[in-house]
Amino acid sequence: MKNEVEKILAEVRPSLQADGGDVELIDVDEKNGIVKVKLQGACSCCPMSSLTLKEGIGRVLKARLDWVKEIEQVN
């Protein structure tokens, strides 16, 4: 499961990097449907980071992996 998440993050990563940010996969809890990530660079302190997380990264993961229920940001 972790590999599947990593592949999808690799697809969205260029958009984040274009704005000076990035994302790191921290944990995958398939049983509870939770993916934990850490936003890095400009994304870590951007006022739009919660929108990026939920509507950007989260939306793509949920659409492509039916077991994903929630995405959480860790510091």
PDB file of N, CA and C in Angstrom:
ATOM      1  N   MET A   1       0.812  -1.191   0.000  1.00  0.00           N
ATOM      2  CA  MET A   1       0.000   0.000   0.000  1.00  0.00           C
ATOM      3  C   MET A   1       0.861   1.264   0.000  1.00  0.00           C
ATOM      4  N   LYS A   2       1.935   1.211   0.745  1.00  0.00           N
ATOM      5  CA  LYS A   2       2.815   2.374   0.829  1.00  0.00           C
ATOM      6  C   LYS A   2       3.373   2.727  -0.551  1.00  0.00           C
ATOM      7  N   ASN A   3       3.703   1.717  -1.333  1.00  0.00           N
ATOM      8  CA  ASN A   3       4.232   1.956  -2.675  1.00  0.00           C
ATOM      9  C   ASN A   3       3.206   2.638  -3.567  1.00  0.00           C
ATOM     10  N   GLU A   4       1.943   2.243  -3.429  1.00  0.00           N
ATOM     11  CA  GLU A   4       0.877   2.866  -4.221  1.00  0.00           C
ATOM     12  C   GLU A   4       0.754   4.352  -3.881  1.00  0.00           C
ATOM     13  N   VAL A   5       0.802   4.658  -2.587  1.00  0.00           N
ATOM     14  CA  VAL A   5       0.709   6.045  -2.141  1.00  0.00           C
ATOM     15  C   VAL A   5       1.908   6.832  -2.655  1.00  0.00           C
ATOM     16  N   GLU A   6       3.092   6.259  -2.555  1.00  0.00           N
ATOM     17  CA  GLU A   6       4.308   6.928  -3.026  1.00  0.00           C
ATOM     18  C   GLU A   6       4.221   7.250  -4.517  1.00  0.00           C
ATOM     19  N   LYS A   7       3.676   6.337  -5.313  1.00  0.00           N
ATOM     20  CA  LYS A   7       3.540   6.567  -6.751  1.00  0.00           C
ATOM     21  C   LYS A   7       2.633   7.761  -7.029  1.00  0.00           C
ATOM     22  N   ILE A   8       1.541   7.859  -6.296  1.00  0.00           N
ATOM     23  CA  ILE A   8       0.611   8.970  -6.496  1.00  0.00           C
ATOM     24  C   ILE A   8       1.234  10.272  -6.021  1.00  0.00           C
ATOM     25  N   LEU A   9       1.928  10.243  -4.895  1.00  0.00           N
ATOM     26  CA  LEU A   9       2.596  11.450  -4.415  1.00  0.00           C
ATOM     27  C   LEU A   9       3.642  11.919  -5.421  1.00  0.00           C
ATOM     28  N   ALA A  10       4.310  10.990  -6.071  1.00  0.00           N
ATOM     29  CA  ALA A  10       5.308  11.348  -7.084  1.00  0.00           C
ATOM     30  C   ALA A  10       4.653  12.091  -8.249  1.00  0.00           C
ATOM     31  N   GLU A  11       3.386  11.794  -8.509  1.00  0.00           N
ATOM     32  CA  GLU A  11       2.663  12.466  -9.592  1.00  0.00           C
ATOM     33  C   GLU A  11       2.252  13.891  -9.206  1.00  0.00           C
ATOM     34  N   VAL A  12       1.919  14.122  -7.937  1.00  0.00           N
ATOM     35  CA  VAL A  12       1.501  15.465  -7.517  1.00  0.00           C
ATOM     36  C   VAL A  12       2.685  16.324  -7.066  1.00  0.00           C
ATOM     37  N   ARG A  13       3.784  15.693  -6.774  1.00  0.00           N
ATOM     38  CA  ARG A  13       4.972  16.394  -6.265  1.00  0.00           C
ATOM     39  C   ARG A  13       5.463  17.531  -7.174  1.00  0.00           C
ATOM     40  N   PRO A  14       5.501  17.360  -8.495  1.00  0.00           N
ATOM     41  CA  PRO A  14       5.986  18.472  -9.340  1.00  0.00           C
ATOM     42  C   PRO A  14       5.200  19.770  -9.151  1.00  0.00           C
ATOM     43  N   SER A  15       3.913  19.685  -8.919  1.00  0.00           N
ATOM     44  CA  SER A  15       3.110  20.889  -8.675  1.00  0.00           C
ATOM     45  C   SER A  15       3.531  21.579  -7.388  1.00  0.00           C
ATOM     46  N   LEU A  16       3.798  20.790  -6.370  1.00  0.00           N
ATOM     47  CA  LEU A  16       4.245  21.348  -5.095  1.00  0.00           C
ATOM     48  C   LEU A  16       5.638  21.956  -5.236  1.00  0.00           C
ATOM     49  N   GLN A  17       6.506  21.247  -5.924  1.00  0.00           N
ATOM     50  CA  GLN A  17       7.875  21.715  -6.092  1.00  0.00           C
ATOM     51  C   GLN A  17       7.943  22.987  -6.934  1.00  0.00           C
ATOM     52  N   ALA A  18       7.003  23.157  -7.837  1.00  0.00           N
ATOM     53  CA  ALA A  18       6.965  24.369  -8.653  1.00  0.00           C
ATOM     54  C   ALA A  18       6.733  25.612  -7.800  1.00  0.00           C
ATOM     55  N   ASP A  19       6.094  25.421  -6.648  1.00  0.00           N
ATOM     56  CA  ASP A  19       5.846  26.523  -5.723  1.00  0.00           C
ATOM     57  C   ASP A  19       6.826  26.539  -4.554  1.00  0.00           C
ATOM     58  N   GLY A  20       7.893  25.743  -4.644  1.00  0.00           N
ATOM     59  CA  GLY A  20       8.919  25.732  -3.604  1.00  0.00           C
ATOM     60  C   GLY A  20       8.629  24.806  -2.445  1.00  0.00           C
ATOM     61  N   GLY A  21       7.697  23.888  -2.627  1.00  0.00           N
ATOM     62  CA  GLY A  21       7.341  22.963  -1.555  1.00  0.00           C
ATOM     63  C   GLY A  21       7.589  21.519  -1.939  1.00  0.00           C
ATOM     64  N   ASP A  22       7.124  20.635  -1.069  1.00  0.00           N
ATOM     65  CA  ASP A  22       7.247  19.202  -1.313  1.00  0.00           C
ATOM     66  C   ASP A  22       6.381  18.473  -0.294  1.00  0.00           C
ATOM     67  N   VAL A  23       6.288  17.164  -0.439  1.00  0.00           N
ATOM     68  CA  VAL A  23       5.524  16.344   0.486  1.00  0.00           C
ATOM     69  C   VAL A  23       6.311  15.068   0.762  1.00  0.00           C
ATOM     70  N   GLU A  24       6.292  14.635   2.017  1.00  0.00           N
ATOM     71  CA  GLU A  24       6.969  13.404   2.432  1.00  0.00           C
ATOM     72  C   GLU A  24       5.939  12.471   3.044  1.00  0.00           C
ATOM     73  N   LEU A  25       5.936  11.229   2.615  1.00  0.00           N
ATOM     74  CA  LEU A  25       5.045  10.228   3.196  1.00  0.00           C
ATOM     75  C   LEU A  25       5.618   9.776   4.528  1.00  0.00           C
ATOM     76  N   ILE A  26       4.816   9.876   5.574  1.00  0.00           N
ATOM     77  CA  ILE A  26       5.253   9.500   6.912  1.00  0.00           C
ATOM     78  C   ILE A  26       4.732   8.121   7.302  1.00  0.00           C
ATOM     79  N   ASP A  27       3.437   7.876   7.078  1.00  0.00           N
ATOM     80  CA  ASP A  27       2.858   6.609   7.517  1.00  0.00           C
ATOM     81  C   ASP A  27       1.617   6.290   6.696  1.00  0.00           C
ATOM     82  N   VAL A  28       1.349   5.002   6.550  1.00  0.00           N
ATOM     83  CA  VAL A  28       0.144   4.525   5.888  1.00  0.00           C
ATOM     84  C   VAL A  28      -0.531   3.534   6.825  1.00  0.00           C
ATOM     85  N   ASP A  29      -1.759   3.846   7.213  1.00  0.00           N
ATOM     86  CA  ASP A  29      -2.552   2.963   8.067  1.00  0.00           C
ATOM     87  C   ASP A  29      -3.732   2.472   7.229  1.00  0.00           C
ATOM     88  N   GLU A  30      -3.499   1.386   6.509  1.00  0.00           N
ATOM     89  CA  GLU A  30      -4.520   0.873   5.600  1.00  0.00           C
ATOM     90  C   GLU A  30      -5.765   0.422   6.355  1.00  0.00           C
ATOM     91  N   LYS A  31      -5.575  -0.150   7.525  1.00  0.00           N
ATOM     92  CA  LYS A  31      -6.713  -0.658   8.303  1.00  0.00           C
ATOM     93  C   LYS A  31      -7.721   0.453   8.602  1.00  0.00           C
ATOM     94  N   ASN A  32      -7.233   1.643   8.959  1.00  0.00           N
ATOM     95  CA  ASN A  32      -8.109   2.763   9.293  1.00  0.00           C
ATOM     96  C   ASN A  32      -8.259   3.759   8.149  1.00  0.00           C
ATOM     97  N   GLY A  33      -7.562   3.528   7.046  1.00  0.00           N
ATOM     98  CA  GLY A  33      -7.679   4.384   5.879  1.00  0.00           C
ATOM     99  C   GLY A  33      -7.035   5.743   6.035  1.00  0.00           C
ATOM    100  N   ILE A  34      -5.954   5.812   6.812  1.00  0.00           N
ATOM    101  CA  ILE A  34      -5.304   7.087   7.089  1.00  0.00           C
ATOM    102  C   ILE A  34      -3.911   7.127   6.463  1.00  0.00           C
ATOM    103  N   VAL A  35      -3.642   8.221   5.750  1.00  0.00           N
ATOM    104  CA  VAL A  35      -2.320   8.472   5.185  1.00  0.00           C
ATOM    105  C   VAL A  35      -1.783   9.716   5.882  1.00  0.00           C
ATOM    106  N   LYS A  36      -0.584   9.614   6.436  1.00  0.00           N
ATOM    107  CA  LYS A  36       0.047  10.745   7.121  1.00  0.00           C
ATOM    108  C   LYS A  36       1.203  11.254   6.285  1.00  0.00           C
ATOM    109  N   VAL A  37       1.201  12.563   6.056  1.00  0.00           N
ATOM    110  CA  VAL A  37       2.248  13.186   5.263  1.00  0.00           C
ATOM    111  C   VAL A  37       2.785  14.409   5.988  1.00  0.00           C
ATOM    112  N   LYS A  38       3.958  14.832   5.554  1.00  0.00           N
ATOM    113  CA  LYS A  38       4.568  16.054   6.069  1.00  0.00           C
ATOM    114  C   LYS A  38       4.812  16.978   4.890  1.00  0.00           C
ATOM    115  N   LEU A  39       4.206  18.161   4.944  1.00  0.00           N
ATOM    116  CA  LEU A  39       4.459  19.155   3.915  1.00  0.00           C
ATOM    117  C   LEU A  39       5.786  19.821   4.217  1.00  0.00           C
ATOM    118  N   GLN A  40       6.563  20.079   3.178  1.00  0.00           N
ATOM    119  CA  GLN A  40       7.913  20.603   3.356  1.00  0.00           C
ATOM    120  C   GLN A  40       8.103  21.873   2.545  1.00  0.00           C
ATOM    121  N   GLY A  41       9.172  22.578   2.848  1.00  0.00           N
ATOM    122  CA  GLY A  41       9.514  23.787   2.114  1.00  0.00           C
ATOM    123  C   GLY A  41       8.440  24.845   2.267  1.00  0.00           C
ATOM    124  N   ALA A  42       8.141  25.524   1.171  1.00  0.00           N
ATOM    125  CA  ALA A  42       7.151  26.595   1.198  1.00  0.00           C
ATOM    126  C   ALA A  42       5.771  26.088   1.604  1.00  0.00           C
ATOM    127  N   CYS A  43       5.476  24.823   1.337  1.00  0.00           N
ATOM    128  CA  CYS A  43       4.164  24.265   1.683  1.00  0.00           C
ATOM    129  C   CYS A  43       3.968  24.145   3.195  1.00  0.00           C
ATOM    130  N   SER A  44       5.039  24.007   3.933  1.00  0.00           N
ATOM    131  CA  SER A  44       4.922  23.782   5.375  1.00  0.00           C
ATOM    132  C   SER A  44       4.393  24.996   6.118  1.00  0.00           C
ATOM    133  N   CYS A  45       4.602  26.189   5.586  1.00  0.00           N
ATOM    134  CA  CYS A  45       4.159  27.395   6.288  1.00  0.00           C
ATOM    135  C   CYS A  45       3.171  28.223   5.471  1.00  0.00           C
ATOM    136  N   CYS A  46       2.739  27.711   4.357  1.00  0.00           N
ATOM    137  CA  CYS A  46       1.818  28.427   3.478  1.00  0.00           C
ATOM    138  C   CYS A  46       0.423  28.467   4.089  1.00  0.00           C
ATOM    139  N   PRO A  47      -0.253  29.614   4.023  1.00  0.00           N
ATOM    140  CA  PRO A  47      -1.618  29.700   4.548  1.00  0.00           C
ATOM    141  C   PRO A  47      -2.596  28.787   3.798  1.00  0.00           C
ATOM    142  N   MET A  48      -2.238  28.376   2.605  1.00  0.00           N
ATOM    143  CA  MET A  48      -3.102  27.499   1.814  1.00  0.00           C
ATOM    144  C   MET A  48      -2.768  26.014   2.000  1.00  0.00           C
ATOM    145  N   SER A  49      -1.895  25.695   2.941  1.00  0.00           N
ATOM    146  CA  SER A  49      -1.443  24.310   3.091  1.00  0.00           C
ATOM    147  C   SER A  49      -2.574  23.349   3.418  1.00  0.00           C
ATOM    148  N   SER A  50      -3.547  23.763   4.212  1.00  0.00           N
ATOM    149  CA  SER A  50      -4.650  22.852   4.533  1.00  0.00           C
ATOM    150  C   SER A  50      -5.489  22.570   3.294  1.00  0.00           C
ATOM    151  N   LEU A  51      -5.651  23.565   2.436  1.00  0.00           N
ATOM    152  CA  LEU A  51      -6.368  23.364   1.187  1.00  0.00           C
ATOM    153  C   LEU A  51      -5.578  22.446   0.258  1.00  0.00           C
ATOM    154  N   THR A  52      -4.277  22.659   0.182  1.00  0.00           N
ATOM    155  CA  THR A  52      -3.405  21.803  -0.624  1.00  0.00           C
ATOM    156  C   THR A  52      -3.503  20.363  -0.144  1.00  0.00           C
ATOM    157  N   LEU A  53      -3.493  20.193   1.161  1.00  0.00           N
ATOM    158  CA  LEU A  53      -3.531  18.858   1.745  1.00  0.00           C
ATOM    159  C   LEU A  53      -4.859  18.164   1.470  1.00  0.00           C
ATOM    160  N   LYS A  54      -5.963  18.819   1.794  1.00  0.00           N
ATOM    161  CA  LYS A  54      -7.287  18.185   1.691  1.00  0.00           C
ATOM    162  C   LYS A  54      -7.802  18.115   0.258  1.00  0.00           C
ATOM    163  N   GLU A  55      -7.762  19.239  -0.439  1.00  0.00           N
ATOM    164  CA  GLU A  55      -8.360  19.302  -1.772  1.00  0.00           C
ATOM    165  C   GLU A  55      -7.409  18.886  -2.884  1.00  0.00           C
ATOM    166  N   GLY A  56      -6.132  18.970  -2.627  1.00  0.00           N
ATOM    167  CA  GLY A  56      -5.165  18.562  -3.638  1.00  0.00           C
ATOM    168  C   GLY A  56      -4.740  17.128  -3.439  1.00  0.00           C
ATOM    169  N   ILE A  57      -3.850  16.925  -2.506  1.00  0.00           N
ATOM    170  CA  ILE A  57      -3.274  15.606  -2.260  1.00  0.00           C
ATOM    171  C   ILE A  57      -4.344  14.603  -1.816  1.00  0.00           C
ATOM    172  N   GLY A  58      -5.158  14.988  -0.848  1.00  0.00           N
ATOM    173  CA  GLY A  58      -6.185  14.087  -0.324  1.00  0.00           C
ATOM    174  C   GLY A  58      -7.192  13.665  -1.368  1.00  0.00           C
ATOM    175  N   ARG A  59      -7.635  14.606  -2.177  1.00  0.00           N
ATOM    176  CA  ARG A  59      -8.628  14.310  -3.211  1.00  0.00           C
ATOM    177  C   ARG A  59      -8.085  13.285  -4.202  1.00  0.00           C
ATOM    178  N   VAL A  60      -6.843  13.467  -4.614  1.00  0.00           N
ATOM    179  CA  VAL A  60      -6.234  12.543  -5.578  1.00  0.00           C
ATOM    180  C   VAL A  60      -6.075  11.155  -4.963  1.00  0.00           C
ATOM    181  N   LEU A  61      -5.581  11.094  -3.732  1.00  0.00           N
ATOM    182  CA  LEU A  61      -5.399   9.792  -3.081  1.00  0.00           C
ATOM    183  C   LEU A  61      -6.731   9.063  -2.913  1.00  0.00           C
ATOM    184  N   LYS A  62      -7.753   9.773  -2.464  1.00  0.00           N
ATOM    185  CA  LYS A  62      -9.065   9.152  -2.256  1.00  0.00           C
ATOM    186  C   LYS A  62      -9.685   8.680  -3.563  1.00  0.00           C
ATOM    187  N   ALA A  63      -9.464   9.439  -4.628  1.00  0.00           N
ATOM    188  CA  ALA A  63     -10.021   9.067  -5.924  1.00  0.00           C
ATOM    189  C   ALA A  63      -9.345   7.825  -6.503  1.00  0.00           C
ATOM    190  N   ARG A  64      -8.066   7.673  -6.234  1.00  0.00           N
ATOM    191  CA  ARG A  64      -7.306   6.583  -6.829  1.00  0.00           C
ATOM    192  C   ARG A  64      -7.190   5.342  -5.952  1.00  0.00           C
ATOM    193  N   LEU A  65      -7.306   5.533  -4.627  1.00  0.00           N
ATOM    194  CA  LEU A  65      -7.181   4.413  -3.694  1.00  0.00           C
ATOM    195  C   LEU A  65      -8.426   4.370  -2.818  1.00  0.00           C
ATOM    196  N   ASP A  66      -9.302   3.429  -3.087  1.00  0.00           N
ATOM    197  CA  ASP A  66     -10.597   3.415  -2.401  1.00  0.00           C
ATOM    198  C   ASP A  66     -10.514   3.184  -0.896  1.00  0.00           C
ATOM    199  N   TRP A  67      -9.401   2.698  -0.404  1.00  0.00           N
ATOM    200  CA  TRP A  67      -9.280   2.448   1.037  1.00  0.00           C
ATOM    201  C   TRP A  67      -8.884   3.707   1.812  1.00  0.00           C
ATOM    202  N   VAL A  68      -8.450   4.770   1.126  1.00  0.00           N
ATOM    203  CA  VAL A  68      -8.041   6.002   1.806  1.00  0.00           C
ATOM    204  C   VAL A  68      -9.277   6.781   2.241  1.00  0.00           C
ATOM    205  N   LYS A  69      -9.387   7.024   3.535  1.00  0.00           N
ATOM    206  CA  LYS A  69     -10.507   7.771   4.115  1.00  0.00           C
ATOM    207  C   LYS A  69     -10.111   9.171   4.561  1.00  0.00           C
ATOM    208  N   GLU A  70      -8.837   9.318   4.963  1.00  0.00           N
ATOM    209  CA  GLU A  70      -8.398  10.580   5.527  1.00  0.00           C
ATOM    210  C   GLU A  70      -6.911  10.769   5.274  1.00  0.00           C
ATOM    211  N   ILE A  71      -6.524  12.034   5.120  1.00  0.00           N
ATOM    212  CA  ILE A  71      -5.113  12.377   5.018  1.00  0.00           C
ATOM    213  C   ILE A  71      -4.811  13.352   6.135  1.00  0.00           C
ATOM    214  N   GLU A  72      -3.726  13.092   6.845  1.00  0.00           N
ATOM    215  CA  GLU A  72      -3.350  13.917   7.987  1.00  0.00           C
ATOM    216  C   GLU A  72      -1.960  14.497   7.775  1.00  0.00           C
ATOM    217  N   GLN A  73      -1.817  15.748   8.225  1.00  0.00           N
ATOM    218  CA  GLN A  73      -0.509  16.392   8.187  1.00  0.00           C
ATOM    219  C   GLN A  73       0.164  16.239   9.538  1.00  0.00           C
ATOM    220  N   VAL A  74       1.408  15.835   9.507  1.00  0.00           N
ATOM    221  CA  VAL A  74       2.205  15.758  10.727  1.00  0.00           C
ATOM    222  C   VAL A  74       3.333  16.771  10.609  1.00  0.00           C
ATOM    223  N   ASN A  75       3.810  17.225  11.760  1.00  0.00           N
ATOM    224  CA  ASN A  75       4.894  18.216  11.759  1.00  0.00           C
ATOM    225  C   ASN A  75       6.229  17.588  12.021  1.00  0.00           C
TER     226      ASN A  75
END
